[in-house]
N, C-alpha and C. Protein backbone atom coordinates (compact mmCIF):
# COMPACT_ATOMS: atom_id res chain seq x y z
N MET A 1 0.90 -1.27 0.03
CA MET A 1 -0.15 0.28 0.01
C MET A 1 1.13 1.71 -0.29
N ASN A 2 0.57 2.45 -1.10
CA ASN A 2 1.40 3.65 -1.10
C ASN A 2 0.47 4.66 0.23
N GLU A 3 1.84 5.39 0.29
CA GLU A 3 1.64 7.08 1.09
C GLU A 3 -0.19 6.65 0.95
N GLN A 4 -0.77 7.30 0.05
CA GLN A 4 -1.58 7.84 -0.27
C GLN A 4 -2.63 6.94 -0.05
N GLU A 5 -2.66 5.93 -0.35
CA GLU A 5 -3.63 4.68 0.41
C GLU A 5 -4.20 4.82 1.85
N LYS A 6 -2.56 4.92 2.35
CA LYS A 6 -2.55 4.64 3.94
C LYS A 6 -3.45 6.07 4.14
N SER A 7 -3.06 6.40 3.88
CA SER A 7 -3.50 7.74 4.21
C SER A 7 -5.37 7.76 3.76
N LYS A 8 -5.58 7.77 2.80
CA LYS A 8 -6.99 7.54 2.44
C LYS A 8 -7.80 6.36 3.59
N SER A 9 -6.76 5.33 3.78
CA SER A 9 -7.52 4.10 4.83
C SER A 9 -7.73 4.75 5.79
N GLY A 10 -7.39 5.89 6.73
CA GLY A 10 -6.63 6.21 7.87
C GLY A 10 -8.90 6.47 8.20
N TRP A 11 -9.98 6.42 7.43
CA TRP A 11 -10.89 6.85 8.31
C TRP A 11 -11.22 5.46 8.85
N LYS A 12 -10.99 4.24 8.77
CA LYS A 12 -10.90 3.30 9.60
C LYS A 12 -10.94 3.38 10.74
N GLN A 13 -9.84 4.21 11.35
CA GLN A 13 -8.99 4.38 12.48
C GLN A 13 -9.92 5.12 13.15
N ASN A 14 -9.51 6.57 12.63
CA ASN A 14 -10.26 7.86 12.92
C ASN A 14 -11.97 8.95 12.65
N PRO A 15 -13.19 8.03 12.12
CA PRO A 15 -13.72 8.38 11.37
C PRO A 15 -14.15 10.11 11.56
N GLU A 16 -14.17 10.51 12.77
CA GLU A 16 -14.28 11.74 12.88
C GLU A 16 -13.43 12.68 12.96
N ALA A 17 -12.46 12.39 12.84
CA ALA A 17 -11.13 13.27 12.22
C ALA A 17 -11.23 13.82 10.81
N VAL A 18 -11.56 12.47 9.97
CA VAL A 18 -11.69 12.19 8.62
C VAL A 18 -13.32 13.24 8.65
N GLN A 19 -14.17 13.03 8.91
CA GLN A 19 -15.14 14.39 8.35
C GLN A 19 -15.27 15.49 9.10
N ARG A 20 -14.29 15.88 10.24
CA ARG A 20 -13.95 17.26 10.70
C ARG A 20 -12.92 17.36 9.34
N ASP A 21 -12.20 16.64 8.82
CA ASP A 21 -11.11 16.77 7.62
C ASP A 21 -11.87 17.27 6.34
N ILE A 22 -12.78 16.76 5.73
CA ILE A 22 -13.73 16.95 4.86
C ILE A 22 -14.46 18.18 4.90
N ILE A 23 -15.31 18.52 6.19
CA ILE A 23 -15.76 19.99 6.21
C ILE A 23 -15.32 20.92 6.27
N ALA A 24 -13.95 20.57 6.87
CA ALA A 24 -12.88 21.56 6.36
C ALA A 24 -12.65 22.42 4.96
N ALA A 25 -12.46 21.05 4.46
CA ALA A 25 -12.35 21.09 2.83
C ALA A 25 -13.17 21.57 2.24
N ALA A 26 -14.53 21.08 2.52
CA ALA A 26 -15.78 21.87 1.84
C ALA A 26 -15.78 23.55 2.30
N ILE A 27 -15.72 23.97 3.39
CA ILE A 27 -15.98 25.52 3.62
C ILE A 27 -15.05 25.83 2.75
N LEU A 28 -13.97 25.32 2.26
CA LEU A 28 -12.64 26.64 1.30
C LEU A 28 -13.82 26.18 0.04
N GLU A 29 -13.94 25.00 -0.13
CA GLU A 29 -14.39 25.13 -1.36
C GLU A 29 -15.62 25.27 -2.30
N PHE A 30 -16.65 25.65 -1.25
CA PHE A 30 -18.04 26.32 -1.23
C PHE A 30 -17.79 27.86 -1.32
N ALA A 31 -16.99 28.72 0.09
CA ALA A 31 -17.06 29.74 -0.03
C ALA A 31 -15.96 30.03 -1.07
N LYS A 32 -14.99 29.22 -1.92
CA LYS A 32 -14.36 29.44 -3.43
C LYS A 32 -15.33 29.46 -4.33
N SER A 33 -15.91 28.56 -4.72
CA SER A 33 -17.00 28.14 -5.86
C SER A 33 -18.42 28.63 -5.86
N GLY A 34 -19.15 28.62 -4.28
CA GLY A 34 -20.57 28.40 -4.42
C GLY A 34 -20.88 27.13 -3.97
N PHE A 35 -22.47 27.21 -3.74
CA PHE A 35 -23.18 25.68 -3.67
C PHE A 35 -23.06 25.07 -5.46
N SER A 36 -23.41 25.99 -6.32
CA SER A 36 -23.95 25.17 -7.74
C SER A 36 -22.33 24.82 -8.34
N SER A 37 -21.50 25.80 -7.78
CA SER A 37 -20.22 24.92 -9.04
C SER A 37 -18.84 24.69 -8.49
N ALA A 38 -18.98 24.48 -6.83
CA ALA A 38 -18.46 23.48 -5.99
C ALA A 38 -18.79 21.90 -6.38
N LYS A 39 -17.27 20.82 -6.80
CA LYS A 39 -17.31 19.23 -6.97
C LYS A 39 -16.88 18.85 -5.96
N ILE A 40 -17.63 17.73 -5.79
CA ILE A 40 -17.16 16.93 -4.85
C ILE A 40 -15.88 16.61 -4.92
N ASP A 41 -15.48 16.01 -6.47
CA ASP A 41 -14.14 15.87 -6.90
C ASP A 41 -13.42 16.73 -6.20
N ASP A 42 -13.32 17.92 -6.67
CA ASP A 42 -12.32 19.02 -5.93
C ASP A 42 -12.55 19.03 -4.37
N ILE A 43 -13.33 18.98 -3.37
CA ILE A 43 -13.19 18.88 -1.92
C ILE A 43 -12.92 17.25 -1.47
N ALA A 44 -13.13 16.24 -2.40
CA ALA A 44 -12.04 14.93 -2.01
C ALA A 44 -10.26 15.52 -2.19
N ALA A 45 -10.26 16.08 -3.38
CA ALA A 45 -8.46 16.33 -3.88
C ALA A 45 -8.01 17.32 -2.22
N ARG A 46 -8.70 17.94 -1.64
CA ARG A 46 -8.49 18.65 -0.42
C ARG A 46 -8.45 17.62 1.03
N THR A 47 -8.77 16.36 0.60
CA THR A 47 -9.15 16.05 2.15
C THR A 47 -7.66 14.54 1.80
N LYS A 48 -7.94 13.95 2.88
CA LYS A 48 -6.87 12.76 3.03
C LYS A 48 -8.07 11.55 2.80
N THR A 49 -8.93 11.45 2.16
CA THR A 49 -10.16 10.26 2.46
C THR A 49 -10.45 10.62 0.64
N SER A 50 -11.61 9.75 0.28
CA SER A 50 -11.79 9.81 -1.29
C SER A 50 -13.39 10.41 -0.89
N LYS A 51 -13.73 10.40 -2.61
CA LYS A 51 -15.11 10.88 -2.78
C LYS A 51 -16.01 10.25 -2.27
N ARG A 52 -15.78 8.54 -2.44
CA ARG A 52 -16.75 7.29 -2.05
C ARG A 52 -17.02 8.11 -0.66
N MET A 53 -16.15 8.45 0.27
CA MET A 53 -16.25 8.39 1.74
C MET A 53 -16.75 9.58 1.75
N ILE A 54 -16.51 10.58 1.30
CA ILE A 54 -17.68 11.83 1.70
C ILE A 54 -19.01 11.61 1.40
N TYR A 55 -19.41 10.75 0.34
CA TYR A 55 -20.65 10.24 0.09
C TYR A 55 -21.24 9.65 1.26
N TYR A 56 -20.29 8.72 1.73
CA TYR A 56 -20.74 7.57 2.68
C TYR A 56 -21.12 8.63 4.51
N TYR A 57 -20.38 9.69 4.36
CA TYR A 57 -20.50 10.36 5.53
C TYR A 57 -21.85 11.39 5.41
N PHE A 58 -22.12 11.53 4.09
CA PHE A 58 -22.70 13.12 4.21
C PHE A 58 -23.92 13.01 3.04
N GLY A 59 -24.10 11.56 2.47
CA GLY A 59 -24.95 11.17 1.83
C GLY A 59 -24.98 12.08 -0.06
N ASP A 60 -25.22 13.08 0.17
CA ASP A 60 -24.72 14.32 -0.99
C ASP A 60 -23.82 15.50 -0.86
N LYS A 61 -23.84 16.33 -2.18
CA LYS A 61 -23.49 17.54 -2.33
C LYS A 61 -24.36 18.38 -1.47
N GLU A 62 -25.35 18.25 -1.36
CA GLU A 62 -26.43 19.54 -0.21
C GLU A 62 -26.05 18.97 1.59
N GLY A 63 -26.42 17.41 1.67
CA GLY A 63 -25.57 17.20 3.04
C GLY A 63 -24.59 17.45 3.29
N LEU A 64 -23.44 18.08 2.51
CA LEU A 64 -22.14 17.95 2.87
C LEU A 64 -22.27 20.00 3.28
N TYR A 65 -22.68 20.35 2.47
CA TYR A 65 -22.88 21.58 2.16
C TYR A 65 -23.78 22.34 4.04
N ILE A 66 -25.07 21.44 3.72
CA ILE A 66 -25.33 21.92 5.17
C ILE A 66 -24.65 21.82 6.69
N GLN A 67 -23.72 20.56 6.54
CA GLN A 67 -23.10 20.68 7.52
C GLN A 67 -21.81 21.00 7.61
N ALA A 68 -22.06 21.94 6.54
CA ALA A 68 -20.39 22.44 6.82
C ALA A 68 -21.02 23.84 6.99
N LEU A 69 -22.00 24.22 6.42
CA LEU A 69 -22.73 25.71 7.49
C LEU A 69 -22.99 25.49 8.68
N GLU A 70 -23.15 24.51 8.99
CA GLU A 70 -23.37 24.45 10.36
C GLU A 70 -21.79 24.31 11.55
N ALA A 71 -21.39 23.88 10.92
CA ALA A 71 -19.52 23.72 11.33
C ALA A 71 -19.09 25.33 11.43
N ALA A 72 -19.12 26.22 9.94
CA ALA A 72 -18.92 27.57 10.51
C ALA A 72 -19.69 28.78 11.17
N TYR A 73 -21.56 28.58 11.43
CA TYR A 73 -21.46 29.15 12.47
C TYR A 73 -21.72 29.02 13.84
N GLY A 74 -21.54 27.04 13.69
CA GLY A 74 -21.20 26.70 15.22
C GLY A 74 -20.06 27.03 15.94
N SER A 75 -18.91 27.64 14.64
CA SER A 75 -17.19 28.18 15.31
C SER A 75 -17.29 29.34 15.88
N VAL A 76 -18.15 30.01 15.66
CA VAL A 76 -18.40 31.05 16.19
C VAL A 76 -19.40 31.67 17.38
N ARG A 77 -20.24 30.62 17.12
CA ARG A 77 -20.86 30.71 18.27
C ARG A 77 -20.56 29.98 19.96
N VAL A 78 -19.66 29.10 19.80
CA VAL A 78 -18.52 28.39 20.02
C VAL A 78 -17.82 29.40 21.04
N GLY A 79 -16.84 29.96 19.99
CA GLY A 79 -15.79 31.28 20.29
C GLY A 79 -16.69 32.34 21.11
N GLU A 80 -18.07 32.69 21.05
CA GLU A 80 -18.45 33.23 21.76
C GLU A 80 -18.92 33.22 23.34
N ARG A 81 -19.08 31.94 23.44
CA ARG A 81 -18.89 31.23 24.99
C ARG A 81 -18.05 31.01 25.46
N ALA A 82 -16.99 30.95 25.09
CA ALA A 82 -16.07 30.61 25.39
C ALA A 82 -15.20 32.39 25.82
N LEU A 83 -15.84 33.19 25.56
CA LEU A 83 -15.71 34.52 26.23
C LEU A 83 -16.31 34.71 27.53
N ASN A 84 -17.16 33.70 28.28
CA ASN A 84 -17.05 34.05 29.63
C ASN A 84 -17.85 35.63 30.30
N LEU A 85 -18.81 36.25 29.34
CA LEU A 85 -19.26 37.25 29.43
C LEU A 85 -20.15 37.40 30.66
N ASP A 86 -20.56 36.07 31.60
CA ASP A 86 -20.90 36.21 32.29
C ASP A 86 -20.83 37.06 33.53
N GLY A 87 -19.43 36.92 33.33
CA GLY A 87 -18.89 37.36 35.21
C GLY A 87 -18.06 38.57 34.45
N MET A 88 -18.48 39.63 34.00
CA MET A 88 -18.16 40.59 33.82
C MET A 88 -19.33 42.10 34.24
N PRO A 89 -18.86 43.11 33.83
CA PRO A 89 -19.55 44.14 33.94
C PRO A 89 -20.30 44.04 32.48
N PRO A 90 -21.92 44.75 32.66
CA PRO A 90 -22.10 44.36 31.30
C PRO A 90 -21.57 45.11 30.00
N LEU A 91 -21.55 46.76 30.30
CA LEU A 91 -20.98 47.46 29.40
C LEU A 91 -19.46 46.61 28.30
N GLN A 92 -18.24 46.36 29.37
CA GLN A 92 -17.38 45.43 29.36
C GLN A 92 -17.36 44.03 28.47
N ALA A 93 -18.36 43.65 29.53
CA ALA A 93 -19.17 42.42 28.27
C ALA A 93 -19.38 42.34 26.99
N LEU A 94 -20.02 43.24 26.98
CA LEU A 94 -20.66 43.93 24.98
C LEU A 94 -19.63 44.29 24.47
N GLU A 95 -18.63 45.10 24.84
CA GLU A 95 -17.38 45.80 24.29
C GLU A 95 -16.48 44.46 24.18
N ARG A 96 -16.41 43.28 24.77
CA ARG A 96 -15.57 41.98 24.04
C ARG A 96 -16.36 41.46 23.03
N LEU A 97 -17.83 41.23 23.65
CA LEU A 97 -18.32 40.71 22.20
C LEU A 97 -18.55 41.33 20.89
N VAL A 98 -18.35 42.55 20.49
CA VAL A 98 -17.95 43.23 19.73
C VAL A 98 -16.71 43.36 19.12
N ALA A 99 -15.78 43.34 20.05
CA ALA A 99 -14.79 43.06 19.68
C ALA A 99 -14.45 41.18 18.98
N PHE A 100 -14.45 40.54 19.69
CA PHE A 100 -14.47 39.14 19.34
C PHE A 100 -15.14 39.33 17.75
N THR A 101 -16.58 39.08 17.75
CA THR A 101 -16.73 39.57 16.30
C THR A 101 -16.21 39.60 15.14
N PHE A 102 -15.94 41.04 15.51
CA PHE A 102 -15.24 41.93 14.46
C PHE A 102 -13.83 41.00 13.62
N ASP A 103 -13.06 40.52 15.12
CA ASP A 103 -11.84 39.85 14.92
C ASP A 103 -12.42 38.04 14.32
N HIS A 104 -13.05 37.60 15.06
CA HIS A 104 -13.39 36.45 13.79
C HIS A 104 -14.29 36.28 12.64
N HIS A 105 -14.72 37.36 12.46
CA HIS A 105 -15.05 37.42 10.80
C HIS A 105 -14.15 38.10 10.01
N ARG A 106 -12.98 39.21 10.36
CA ARG A 106 -11.76 38.98 9.55
C ARG A 106 -10.85 38.30 9.58
N ARG A 107 -11.06 36.83 10.90
CA ARG A 107 -10.47 36.11 10.07
C ARG A 107 -10.57 34.93 9.63
N ASN A 108 -12.24 34.79 9.84
CA ASN A 108 -12.38 33.78 9.06
C ASN A 108 -13.35 33.86 7.52
N PRO A 109 -12.30 34.89 6.72
CA PRO A 109 -13.50 35.33 5.80
C PRO A 109 -14.28 34.52 4.78
N ASP A 110 -14.19 32.75 4.72
CA ASP A 110 -14.41 31.68 4.12
C ASP A 110 -15.84 32.08 4.79
N PHE A 111 -16.07 32.14 6.44
CA PHE A 111 -17.05 32.12 7.10
C PHE A 111 -17.98 33.31 6.11
N ILE A 112 -17.61 34.55 6.18
CA ILE A 112 -18.50 35.29 5.88
C ILE A 112 -18.94 34.97 4.24
N ARG A 113 -17.64 34.58 3.60
CA ARG A 113 -18.21 34.28 1.71
C ARG A 113 -19.87 32.88 1.37
N MET A 114 -19.86 32.29 2.56
CA MET A 114 -21.25 31.06 2.97
C MET A 114 -21.82 31.60 2.88
N VAL A 115 -21.71 32.89 4.14
CA VAL A 115 -23.00 33.42 4.35
C VAL A 115 -23.61 34.59 3.05
N MET A 116 -22.99 34.79 2.68
CA MET A 116 -22.85 35.63 1.28
C MET A 116 -24.01 34.54 0.05
N ILE A 117 -22.95 33.43 0.04
CA ILE A 117 -23.40 32.47 -0.90
C ILE A 117 -24.90 31.91 -0.19
N GLU A 118 -25.24 31.41 1.03
CA GLU A 118 -26.79 31.17 1.47
C GLU A 118 -28.04 32.13 1.12
N ASN A 119 -26.74 33.12 1.26
CA ASN A 119 -27.85 34.96 1.08
C ASN A 119 -28.50 34.44 -0.43
N VAL A 120 -27.53 34.35 -1.41
CA VAL A 120 -27.64 33.98 -2.79
C VAL A 120 -28.77 33.47 -2.76
N HIS A 121 -28.82 32.12 -2.09
CA HIS A 121 -29.74 30.99 -2.09
C HIS A 121 -30.90 31.18 -1.31
N HIS A 122 -31.48 32.38 -0.65
CA HIS A 122 -32.42 32.45 -0.02
C HIS A 122 -32.58 32.15 0.97
N ALA A 123 -31.45 31.47 2.00
CA ALA A 123 -31.04 30.51 2.87
C ALA A 123 -32.08 29.29 3.01
N GLU A 124 -31.84 29.01 1.53
CA GLU A 124 -32.73 28.06 1.24
C GLU A 124 -32.25 26.66 2.02
N HIS A 125 -30.73 26.33 2.15
CA HIS A 125 -29.79 25.26 2.62
C HIS A 125 -30.53 25.61 4.11
N LEU A 126 -29.99 26.90 4.42
CA LEU A 126 -29.85 27.07 6.03
C LEU A 126 -31.19 26.80 6.31
N ARG A 127 -32.16 26.68 6.32
CA ARG A 127 -33.61 26.79 6.61
C ARG A 127 -33.55 25.25 7.05
N ARG A 128 -32.91 24.09 6.50
CA ARG A 128 -33.19 22.75 6.58
C ARG A 128 -32.53 22.28 7.63
N SER A 129 -31.94 23.11 8.33
CA SER A 129 -30.32 22.48 9.34
C SER A 129 -31.41 23.27 10.47
N LYS A 130 -32.00 22.57 11.61
CA LYS A 130 -32.30 22.83 12.90
C LYS A 130 -30.80 22.79 13.83
N VAL A 131 -29.67 22.13 13.63
CA VAL A 131 -28.44 23.01 14.28
C VAL A 131 -28.24 24.13 13.90
N VAL A 132 -28.47 24.80 13.10
CA VAL A 132 -27.74 26.48 12.91
C VAL A 132 -28.86 27.23 13.11
N ARG A 133 -30.08 26.75 13.30
CA ARG A 133 -31.25 27.67 14.24
C ARG A 133 -31.19 27.50 15.21
N ASP A 134 -31.18 26.47 16.13
CA ASP A 134 -30.19 26.26 17.71
C ASP A 134 -29.49 27.18 17.99
N VAL A 135 -28.48 26.61 17.32
CA VAL A 135 -27.09 27.78 17.67
C VAL A 135 -27.09 28.86 17.76
N ASN A 136 -28.27 29.40 16.86
CA ASN A 136 -27.86 31.10 16.55
C ASN A 136 -29.01 31.94 17.36
N LEU A 137 -30.08 30.57 18.05
CA LEU A 137 -31.04 31.13 18.86
C LEU A 137 -30.27 31.12 20.30
N GLY A 138 -29.74 30.40 20.15
CA GLY A 138 -28.50 30.39 21.81
C GLY A 138 -27.97 31.28 22.01
N ALA A 139 -26.99 32.13 20.96
CA ALA A 139 -26.54 33.90 20.81
C ALA A 139 -27.47 34.79 20.95
N ILE A 140 -29.09 34.61 20.58
CA ILE A 140 -29.68 35.27 21.16
C ILE A 140 -30.27 35.50 22.28
N SER A 141 -30.41 34.41 22.62
CA SER A 141 -30.36 33.86 24.03
C SER A 141 -29.62 34.65 25.28
N ARG A 142 -28.07 34.82 25.12
CA ARG A 142 -27.41 35.14 26.16
C ARG A 142 -26.62 36.75 25.44
N LEU A 143 -27.19 36.92 24.40
CA LEU A 143 -27.33 38.57 24.18
C LEU A 143 -28.46 38.77 24.86
N GLN A 144 -29.78 38.16 25.17
CA GLN A 144 -30.47 38.43 25.99
C GLN A 144 -30.59 39.13 27.49
N GLY A 145 -30.33 37.92 27.86
CA GLY A 145 -29.13 37.93 29.11
C GLY A 145 -28.59 38.71 29.72
N LEU A 146 -27.76 39.64 29.21
CA LEU A 146 -26.64 40.40 28.62
C LEU A 146 -27.54 41.94 29.21
N ILE A 147 -28.48 42.10 28.37
CA ILE A 147 -29.32 43.35 28.31
C ILE A 147 -29.87 43.43 29.36
N GLU A 148 -30.44 42.21 29.83
CA GLU A 148 -31.17 42.03 31.17
C GLU A 148 -30.13 42.27 32.16
N ARG A 149 -28.89 42.02 32.13
CA ARG A 149 -28.24 42.62 33.48
C ARG A 149 -27.87 43.96 33.46
N GLY A 150 -27.26 44.51 32.24
CA GLY A 150 -27.62 45.82 31.96
C GLY A 150 -28.29 46.60 32.61
N GLU A 151 -29.54 46.41 31.88
CA GLU A 151 -30.76 47.21 32.09
C GLU A 151 -30.87 47.17 34.07
N ALA A 152 -31.04 46.04 34.50
CA ALA A 152 -31.31 46.18 36.07
C ALA A 152 -29.95 46.90 36.34
N ASP A 153 -28.24 46.82 36.35
CA ASP A 153 -27.87 47.78 37.22
C ASP A 153 -27.63 48.54 36.82
N GLY A 154 -28.75 49.58 35.04
CA GLY A 154 -28.62 50.85 35.21
C GLY A 154 -27.53 51.15 34.25
N SER A 155 -26.66 50.74 33.32
CA SER A 155 -25.46 50.78 32.87
C SER A 155 -26.14 50.83 31.19
N PHE A 156 -26.82 49.91 30.95
CA PHE A 156 -28.05 50.04 29.29
C PHE A 156 -29.34 50.45 29.59
N ARG A 157 -29.60 51.22 28.58
CA ARG A 157 -30.96 51.65 28.45
C ARG A 157 -32.19 51.10 28.29
N PRO A 158 -33.20 51.21 28.23
CA PRO A 158 -34.46 50.69 28.69
C PRO A 158 -34.88 50.27 27.50
N GLY A 159 -35.34 48.68 27.48
CA GLY A 159 -36.38 49.01 25.52
C GLY A 159 -35.43 48.48 24.43
N LEU A 160 -33.65 47.76 25.00
CA LEU A 160 -33.27 47.20 23.98
C LEU A 160 -33.81 45.99 23.38
N ASN A 161 -34.08 45.53 22.12
CA ASN A 161 -33.97 44.35 21.66
C ASN A 161 -32.87 43.39 21.02
N ALA A 162 -32.68 42.26 21.76
CA ALA A 162 -31.44 41.68 21.11
C ALA A 162 -31.20 41.14 20.27
N THR A 163 -32.17 40.59 19.32
CA THR A 163 -31.97 40.67 17.78
C THR A 163 -31.43 41.82 16.96
N GLU A 164 -31.93 42.98 17.62
CA GLU A 164 -31.44 44.02 17.02
C GLU A 164 -30.17 44.31 16.99
N LEU A 165 -30.10 44.16 18.33
CA LEU A 165 -28.64 44.62 19.15
C LEU A 165 -27.63 43.63 18.24
N HIS A 166 -28.00 42.31 17.78
CA HIS A 166 -27.04 41.00 16.88
C HIS A 166 -26.66 41.75 15.61
N TRP A 167 -28.22 42.01 15.01
CA TRP A 167 -27.91 43.01 14.22
C TRP A 167 -26.84 43.95 13.67
N GLN A 168 -26.75 44.75 14.50
CA GLN A 168 -26.44 45.63 14.59
C GLN A 168 -24.87 45.35 14.65
N ILE A 169 -23.83 44.71 15.31
CA ILE A 169 -22.89 44.53 15.61
C ILE A 169 -22.54 43.08 13.98
N SER A 170 -23.51 42.49 13.87
CA SER A 170 -23.39 41.35 12.45
C SER A 170 -23.05 42.18 11.60
N ALA A 171 -23.82 43.23 10.95
CA ALA A 171 -23.35 44.46 10.32
C ALA A 171 -22.54 45.27 10.42
N LEU A 172 -21.34 45.62 11.09
CA LEU A 172 -20.31 46.41 11.17
C LEU A 172 -19.22 45.16 10.60
N SER A 173 -19.85 43.96 11.61
CA SER A 173 -18.74 42.95 11.15
C SER A 173 -18.40 42.37 10.18
N VAL A 174 -19.94 41.74 9.48
CA VAL A 174 -19.79 41.49 8.14
C VAL A 174 -19.05 42.41 7.28
N PHE A 175 -19.86 43.94 7.46
CA PHE A 175 -19.37 44.55 6.12
C PHE A 175 -18.27 44.23 5.77
N ASN A 176 -17.38 44.57 6.99
CA ASN A 176 -15.56 44.76 6.79
C ASN A 176 -14.69 43.81 6.19
N VAL A 177 -15.63 42.57 5.74
CA VAL A 177 -15.41 41.42 4.98
C VAL A 177 -15.83 41.46 3.71
N SER A 178 -17.28 41.59 3.65
CA SER A 178 -17.87 40.90 2.46
C SER A 178 -17.79 42.14 1.45
N ASN A 179 -17.21 43.56 1.85
CA ASN A 179 -17.05 44.40 1.16
C ASN A 179 -15.84 44.80 1.10
N LYS A 180 -14.85 44.24 1.62
CA LYS A 180 -13.35 44.86 1.36
C LYS A 180 -12.84 44.63 0.10
N PRO A 181 -13.14 43.60 -1.01
CA PRO A 181 -13.09 44.01 -2.49
C PRO A 181 -13.43 45.21 -2.82
N THR A 182 -14.38 45.71 -3.05
CA THR A 182 -15.12 46.55 -3.66
C THR A 182 -14.69 47.94 -3.11
N PHE A 183 -14.79 48.18 -1.63
CA PHE A 183 -14.85 48.92 -0.99
C PHE A 183 -13.00 49.38 -1.44
N SER A 184 -12.07 48.51 -0.64
CA SER A 184 -10.46 48.91 -1.42
C SER A 184 -10.56 49.03 -2.92
N ALA A 185 -11.01 48.96 -3.56
CA ALA A 185 -10.45 49.13 -5.09
C ALA A 185 -11.45 50.66 -5.31
N LEU A 186 -11.99 51.15 -4.60
CA LEU A 186 -12.88 52.72 -4.26
C LEU A 186 -12.04 53.62 -3.89
N TYR A 187 -11.61 53.14 -2.69
CA TYR A 187 -11.46 53.90 -1.46
C TYR A 187 -10.05 53.79 -1.08
N GLY A 188 -8.93 52.44 -1.43
CA GLY A 188 -7.67 52.17 -0.94
C GLY A 188 -7.75 51.26 0.15
N LYS A 189 -6.71 51.01 0.13
CA LYS A 189 -6.93 49.68 1.65
C LYS A 189 -6.26 50.16 2.52
N SER A 190 -6.15 51.10 3.08
CA SER A 190 -5.69 52.15 4.45
C SER A 190 -6.43 51.83 5.57
N LEU A 191 -7.66 51.27 5.68
CA LEU A 191 -8.55 50.65 5.89
C LEU A 191 -8.76 48.71 6.45
N PHE A 192 -7.68 48.52 5.77
CA PHE A 192 -8.02 46.78 6.06
C PHE A 192 -5.94 46.66 5.86
N THR A 193 -5.25 47.68 6.78
CA THR A 193 -4.06 47.20 7.62
C THR A 193 -4.53 47.07 8.57
N ALA A 194 -3.05 46.63 9.45
CA ALA A 194 -3.00 46.18 10.77
C ALA A 194 -3.72 47.62 11.40
N ALA A 195 -3.35 48.23 11.55
CA ALA A 195 -3.59 49.82 12.17
C ALA A 195 -5.30 50.24 11.80
N GLY A 196 -5.40 50.14 10.80
CA GLY A 196 -6.93 50.33 10.10
C GLY A 196 -8.08 49.55 10.11
N GLN A 197 -7.79 48.12 11.06
CA GLN A 197 -8.93 47.03 11.11
C GLN A 197 -8.35 47.38 12.82
N LYS A 198 -7.76 47.87 13.70
CA LYS A 198 -7.69 48.25 14.84
C LYS A 198 -8.48 49.38 15.37
N SER A 199 -8.46 50.14 14.32
CA SER A 199 -9.24 51.70 14.44
C SER A 199 -10.49 51.23 14.38
N LEU A 200 -11.17 50.77 13.57
CA LEU A 200 -12.44 50.26 13.13
C LEU A 200 -12.56 49.05 13.98
N ARG A 201 -12.45 48.99 14.57
CA ARG A 201 -12.85 47.39 15.71
C ARG A 201 -13.22 48.32 16.55
N GLU A 202 -12.11 49.30 17.31
CA GLU A 202 -12.67 50.36 18.49
C GLU A 202 -13.54 51.33 18.36
N ARG A 203 -13.65 51.98 16.55
CA ARG A 203 -14.95 52.45 16.80
C ARG A 203 -16.32 51.67 16.60
N ALA A 204 -16.37 50.10 15.78
CA ALA A 204 -17.46 49.63 16.12
C ALA A 204 -17.82 49.03 17.59
N ALA A 205 -17.20 48.54 18.61
CA ALA A 205 -17.13 49.00 20.00
C ALA A 205 -17.55 49.95 20.45
N GLU A 206 -17.04 51.47 19.98
CA GLU A 206 -17.99 52.93 20.51
C GLU A 206 -18.95 52.80 20.02
N MET A 207 -19.25 52.53 18.59
CA MET A 207 -20.86 52.66 18.09
C MET A 207 -21.79 52.02 18.65
N ILE A 208 -21.55 50.89 19.17
CA ILE A 208 -22.68 49.68 19.78
C ILE A 208 -22.59 50.13 21.35
N LEU A 209 -21.35 50.47 21.74
CA LEU A 209 -21.87 51.53 23.34
C LEU A 209 -22.54 51.91 23.57
N ALA A 210 -22.81 53.20 22.61
CA ALA A 210 -22.87 54.37 22.47
C ALA A 210 -24.62 53.70 22.72
N ALA A 211 -24.60 53.03 21.58
CA ALA A 211 -26.34 52.78 21.23
C ALA A 211 -27.44 52.75 22.36
N VAL A 212 -26.77 51.66 23.56
CA VAL A 212 -26.56 51.17 24.54
C VAL A 212 -27.07 51.80 25.49
N ARG A 213 -26.13 52.68 25.58
CA ARG A 213 -25.55 53.20 27.29
C ARG A 213 -26.43 53.87 27.78
N ASN A 214 -27.02 53.66 29.23
CA ASN A 214 -28.19 54.78 29.56
C ASN A 214 -27.54 55.50 30.18
N SER A 215 -27.69 56.85 29.68
CA SER A 215 -27.20 58.50 29.15
C SER A 215 -27.20 58.92 31.04
N GLU A 216 -27.84 58.38 31.78
CA GLU A 216 -27.90 58.54 33.41
C GLU A 216 -27.13 57.88 34.36
N GLY A 217 -26.79 56.65 33.16
CA GLY A 217 -25.25 56.08 33.84
C GLY A 217 -26.36 55.09 34.82
N PRO A 218 -24.67 53.77 35.52
CA PRO A 218 -25.62 53.40 36.07
C PRO A 218 -26.74 53.08 37.48
N THR A 219 -26.77 52.86 37.93
CA THR A 219 -28.09 53.10 39.06
C THR A 219 -27.44 52.86 40.52
N ARG A 220 -26.29 51.87 40.11
CA ARG A 220 -25.83 50.73 41.48
C ARG A 220 -24.76 50.21 41.14
């Protein structure tokens, strides 16, 4: 057995690792080519397994695409949970969440491309995934808890909506990635240098905090 054959037989010993490898390759390929143009052959070529095993684990291209979406969304939600925001003062916690979201999206442009592709398809595949719905509802629930803590201590103004706040944070963070090529072509690349990105991240946090802050300050 040659080295390639040995590598491709690894699924027998560690199928979970092989599935992770396939999903990682699928995210790259779907982000590059879109759902319609991506080919299972090209995804298999990026992995240590075979086209046959991709079909074995995921059924078809759509099944693989949906699980790639689930993994992409799951990654950002796992990162949010790891921030341990519950132990921070609400304003500090929100500032950290905004900075994390901005940096995560900037460092994971393939995730943003997957989101853009799914919008082209009118969320057709995303709607079929209970996993994606559940993990994102969890994000709204955690944000709602943060809002309630901020309203309780008087640092947040009353009447905030968790879904709206999530939209605002996402809008600032996603646009930074999704429109980078056109924005750079029109206005230059200064905002996408290390210094420019640091400044944009800080301004994004300032804008979100200004939108939620109680002008009268904490009551205790």
